[in-house]
Amino acid sequence: NSSRLPSEELPVFVTVTLANPPEGNARATQAAQVAEAAAVVLKRDMNQVHIEYAPPGKGRIAFGGVLVQ
């Protein structure tokens, strides 16, 4: 909050919510792909992009009132 870093050097946090998130090596591969894509779009170093996987969305999230099954 009181950082003296320029905004382009601040970290970026990305939350990924999937009905059924991958596990193990598949999750590691996906996390690297998401970080790389975010870094390109946001013009940041990939090391500044941090990925958080939310709990599985299946049965927990509804889009337009329709529960993801």
N, C-alpha and C. Protein backbone atom coordinates (compact mmCIF):
# COMPACT_ATOMS: atom_id res chain seq x y z
N ASN A 1 0.81 -1.19 0.00
CA ASN A 1 0.00 0.00 0.00
C ASN A 1 0.85 1.26 0.00
N SER A 2 2.00 1.20 0.62
CA SER A 2 2.88 2.36 0.64
C SER A 2 4.15 2.08 -0.16
N SER A 3 4.02 1.26 -1.18
CA SER A 3 5.17 0.87 -1.98
C SER A 3 5.73 2.05 -2.75
N ARG A 4 7.02 2.05 -2.88
CA ARG A 4 7.68 3.09 -3.66
C ARG A 4 8.09 2.57 -5.03
N LEU A 5 7.65 1.33 -5.34
CA LEU A 5 7.94 0.77 -6.65
C LEU A 5 7.03 1.38 -7.70
N PRO A 6 7.53 1.54 -8.91
CA PRO A 6 6.66 1.97 -10.00
C PRO A 6 5.58 0.90 -10.22
N SER A 7 4.42 1.29 -10.69
CA SER A 7 3.31 0.35 -10.83
C SER A 7 3.66 -0.83 -11.73
N GLU A 8 4.51 -0.63 -12.74
CA GLU A 8 4.87 -1.73 -13.63
C GLU A 8 5.77 -2.77 -12.96
N GLU A 9 6.27 -2.49 -11.77
CA GLU A 9 7.09 -3.45 -11.03
C GLU A 9 6.32 -4.15 -9.91
N LEU A 10 5.08 -3.75 -9.68
CA LEU A 10 4.28 -4.37 -8.63
C LEU A 10 3.80 -5.75 -9.09
N PRO A 11 3.57 -6.67 -8.17
CA PRO A 11 3.09 -8.00 -8.55
C PRO A 11 1.65 -7.95 -9.05
N VAL A 12 1.30 -8.96 -9.82
CA VAL A 12 -0.05 -9.15 -10.33
C VAL A 12 -0.55 -10.48 -9.79
N PHE A 13 -1.75 -10.50 -9.25
CA PHE A 13 -2.34 -11.74 -8.72
C PHE A 13 -3.51 -12.14 -9.60
N VAL A 14 -3.50 -13.38 -10.04
CA VAL A 14 -4.55 -13.92 -10.90
C VAL A 14 -5.21 -15.08 -10.18
N THR A 15 -6.53 -15.06 -10.09
CA THR A 15 -7.27 -16.17 -9.50
C THR A 15 -7.93 -16.95 -10.62
N VAL A 16 -7.71 -18.25 -10.62
CA VAL A 16 -8.28 -19.14 -11.62
C VAL A 16 -9.37 -19.97 -10.95
N THR A 17 -10.59 -19.89 -11.48
CA THR A 17 -11.70 -20.69 -10.98
C THR A 17 -12.19 -21.57 -12.11
N LEU A 18 -12.09 -22.87 -11.92
CA LEU A 18 -12.52 -23.84 -12.92
C LEU A 18 -13.50 -24.81 -12.28
N ALA A 19 -14.41 -25.36 -13.09
CA ALA A 19 -15.35 -26.35 -12.56
C ALA A 19 -14.58 -27.51 -11.93
N ASN A 20 -13.57 -27.98 -12.65
CA ASN A 20 -12.73 -29.09 -12.18
C ASN A 20 -11.28 -28.75 -12.50
N PRO A 21 -10.57 -28.09 -11.60
CA PRO A 21 -9.19 -27.71 -11.90
C PRO A 21 -8.29 -28.94 -12.07
N PRO A 22 -7.29 -28.82 -12.92
CA PRO A 22 -6.35 -29.93 -13.10
C PRO A 22 -5.51 -30.11 -11.85
N GLU A 23 -4.87 -31.25 -11.77
CA GLU A 23 -3.99 -31.53 -10.62
C GLU A 23 -2.60 -31.89 -11.10
N GLY A 24 -1.65 -31.88 -10.18
CA GLY A 24 -0.30 -32.33 -10.47
C GLY A 24 0.38 -31.55 -11.58
N ASN A 25 1.04 -32.30 -12.48
CA ASN A 25 1.79 -31.68 -13.56
C ASN A 25 0.89 -30.87 -14.50
N ALA A 26 -0.35 -31.31 -14.67
CA ALA A 26 -1.28 -30.56 -15.54
C ALA A 26 -1.56 -29.19 -14.96
N ARG A 27 -1.68 -29.11 -13.64
CA ARG A 27 -1.91 -27.80 -13.00
C ARG A 27 -0.67 -26.93 -13.12
N ALA A 28 0.50 -27.53 -12.93
CA ALA A 28 1.75 -26.77 -13.05
C ALA A 28 1.91 -26.21 -14.46
N THR A 29 1.59 -27.02 -15.45
CA THR A 29 1.68 -26.57 -16.85
C THR A 29 0.70 -25.44 -17.11
N GLN A 30 -0.54 -25.61 -16.65
CA GLN A 30 -1.55 -24.59 -16.85
C GLN A 30 -1.17 -23.29 -16.14
N ALA A 31 -0.67 -23.38 -14.92
CA ALA A 31 -0.27 -22.19 -14.17
C ALA A 31 0.81 -21.41 -14.92
N ALA A 32 1.77 -22.12 -15.49
CA ALA A 32 2.83 -21.46 -16.26
C ALA A 32 2.24 -20.78 -17.49
N GLN A 33 1.28 -21.43 -18.15
CA GLN A 33 0.65 -20.84 -19.34
C GLN A 33 -0.17 -19.60 -18.98
N VAL A 34 -0.90 -19.67 -17.88
CA VAL A 34 -1.69 -18.51 -17.45
C VAL A 34 -0.76 -17.35 -17.07
N ALA A 35 0.31 -17.65 -16.35
CA ALA A 35 1.26 -16.60 -15.97
C ALA A 35 1.90 -15.96 -17.18
N GLU A 36 2.26 -16.77 -18.15
CA GLU A 36 2.88 -16.24 -19.37
C GLU A 36 1.89 -15.36 -20.14
N ALA A 37 0.65 -15.82 -20.28
CA ALA A 37 -0.37 -15.04 -20.99
C ALA A 37 -0.64 -13.72 -20.28
N ALA A 38 -0.78 -13.76 -18.96
CA ALA A 38 -1.03 -12.53 -18.20
C ALA A 38 0.14 -11.57 -18.33
N ALA A 39 1.35 -12.10 -18.29
CA ALA A 39 2.55 -11.26 -18.40
C ALA A 39 2.59 -10.54 -19.75
N VAL A 40 2.24 -11.25 -20.81
CA VAL A 40 2.24 -10.65 -22.14
C VAL A 40 1.19 -9.55 -22.23
N VAL A 41 -0.03 -9.86 -21.79
CA VAL A 41 -1.13 -8.89 -21.89
C VAL A 41 -0.87 -7.66 -21.03
N LEU A 42 -0.32 -7.89 -19.84
CA LEU A 42 -0.10 -6.79 -18.89
C LEU A 42 1.27 -6.13 -19.04
N LYS A 43 2.07 -6.66 -19.97
CA LYS A 43 3.42 -6.14 -20.20
C LYS A 43 4.25 -6.15 -18.91
N ARG A 44 4.23 -7.31 -18.26
CA ARG A 44 4.98 -7.52 -17.01
C ARG A 44 5.92 -8.69 -17.19
N ASP A 45 6.91 -8.76 -16.32
CA ASP A 45 7.76 -9.94 -16.25
C ASP A 45 6.94 -11.08 -15.66
N MET A 46 7.10 -12.27 -16.20
CA MET A 46 6.34 -13.42 -15.73
C MET A 46 6.57 -13.69 -14.24
N ASN A 47 7.72 -13.32 -13.72
CA ASN A 47 8.02 -13.51 -12.29
C ASN A 47 7.17 -12.62 -11.39
N GLN A 48 6.52 -11.63 -11.97
CA GLN A 48 5.65 -10.74 -11.19
C GLN A 48 4.21 -11.24 -11.14
N VAL A 49 3.91 -12.30 -11.90
CA VAL A 49 2.54 -12.83 -12.00
C VAL A 49 2.40 -14.02 -11.06
N HIS A 50 1.44 -13.94 -10.16
CA HIS A 50 1.21 -14.99 -9.17
C HIS A 50 -0.19 -15.57 -9.39
N ILE A 51 -0.27 -16.89 -9.42
CA ILE A 51 -1.51 -17.59 -9.73
C ILE A 51 -2.06 -18.24 -8.47
N GLU A 52 -3.36 -18.04 -8.24
CA GLU A 52 -4.06 -18.72 -7.14
C GLU A 52 -5.18 -19.54 -7.75
N TYR A 53 -5.26 -20.80 -7.38
CA TYR A 53 -6.37 -21.64 -7.82
C TYR A 53 -7.45 -21.62 -6.75
N ALA A 54 -8.66 -21.20 -7.15
CA ALA A 54 -9.81 -21.21 -6.25
C ALA A 54 -10.31 -22.65 -6.13
N PRO A 55 -11.09 -22.94 -5.08
CA PRO A 55 -11.68 -24.28 -4.98
C PRO A 55 -12.51 -24.57 -6.23
N PRO A 56 -12.70 -25.85 -6.56
CA PRO A 56 -13.49 -26.19 -7.74
C PRO A 56 -14.84 -25.46 -7.75
N GLY A 57 -15.21 -24.93 -8.92
CA GLY A 57 -16.44 -24.17 -9.03
C GLY A 57 -17.68 -25.03 -9.23
N LYS A 58 -17.49 -26.29 -9.61
CA LYS A 58 -18.62 -27.17 -9.88
C LYS A 58 -19.50 -27.29 -8.64
N GLY A 59 -20.79 -26.97 -8.82
CA GLY A 59 -21.74 -27.04 -7.72
C GLY A 59 -21.63 -25.89 -6.74
N ARG A 60 -20.76 -24.92 -7.03
CA ARG A 60 -20.50 -23.82 -6.11
C ARG A 60 -20.74 -22.46 -6.74
N ILE A 61 -20.67 -22.37 -8.07
CA ILE A 61 -20.79 -21.09 -8.76
C ILE A 61 -21.92 -21.18 -9.79
N ALA A 62 -22.70 -20.11 -9.88
CA ALA A 62 -23.79 -20.04 -10.86
C ALA A 62 -23.57 -18.84 -11.76
N PHE A 63 -23.66 -19.05 -13.05
CA PHE A 63 -23.57 -17.97 -14.04
C PHE A 63 -24.96 -17.68 -14.55
N GLY A 64 -25.42 -16.45 -14.36
CA GLY A 64 -26.76 -16.09 -14.78
C GLY A 64 -27.83 -16.92 -14.08
N GLY A 65 -27.53 -17.34 -12.88
CA GLY A 65 -28.46 -18.14 -12.11
C GLY A 65 -28.43 -19.62 -12.41
N VAL A 66 -27.53 -20.03 -13.33
CA VAL A 66 -27.42 -21.44 -13.68
C VAL A 66 -26.19 -22.02 -12.99
N LEU A 67 -26.42 -22.97 -12.11
CA LEU A 67 -25.35 -23.59 -11.35
C LEU A 67 -24.46 -24.44 -12.27
N VAL A 68 -23.15 -24.28 -12.15
CA VAL A 68 -22.20 -25.09 -12.90
C VAL A 68 -22.23 -26.50 -12.36
N GLN A 69 -22.49 -27.46 -13.23
CA GLN A 69 -22.57 -28.87 -12.81
C GLN A 69 -21.42 -29.67 -13.36
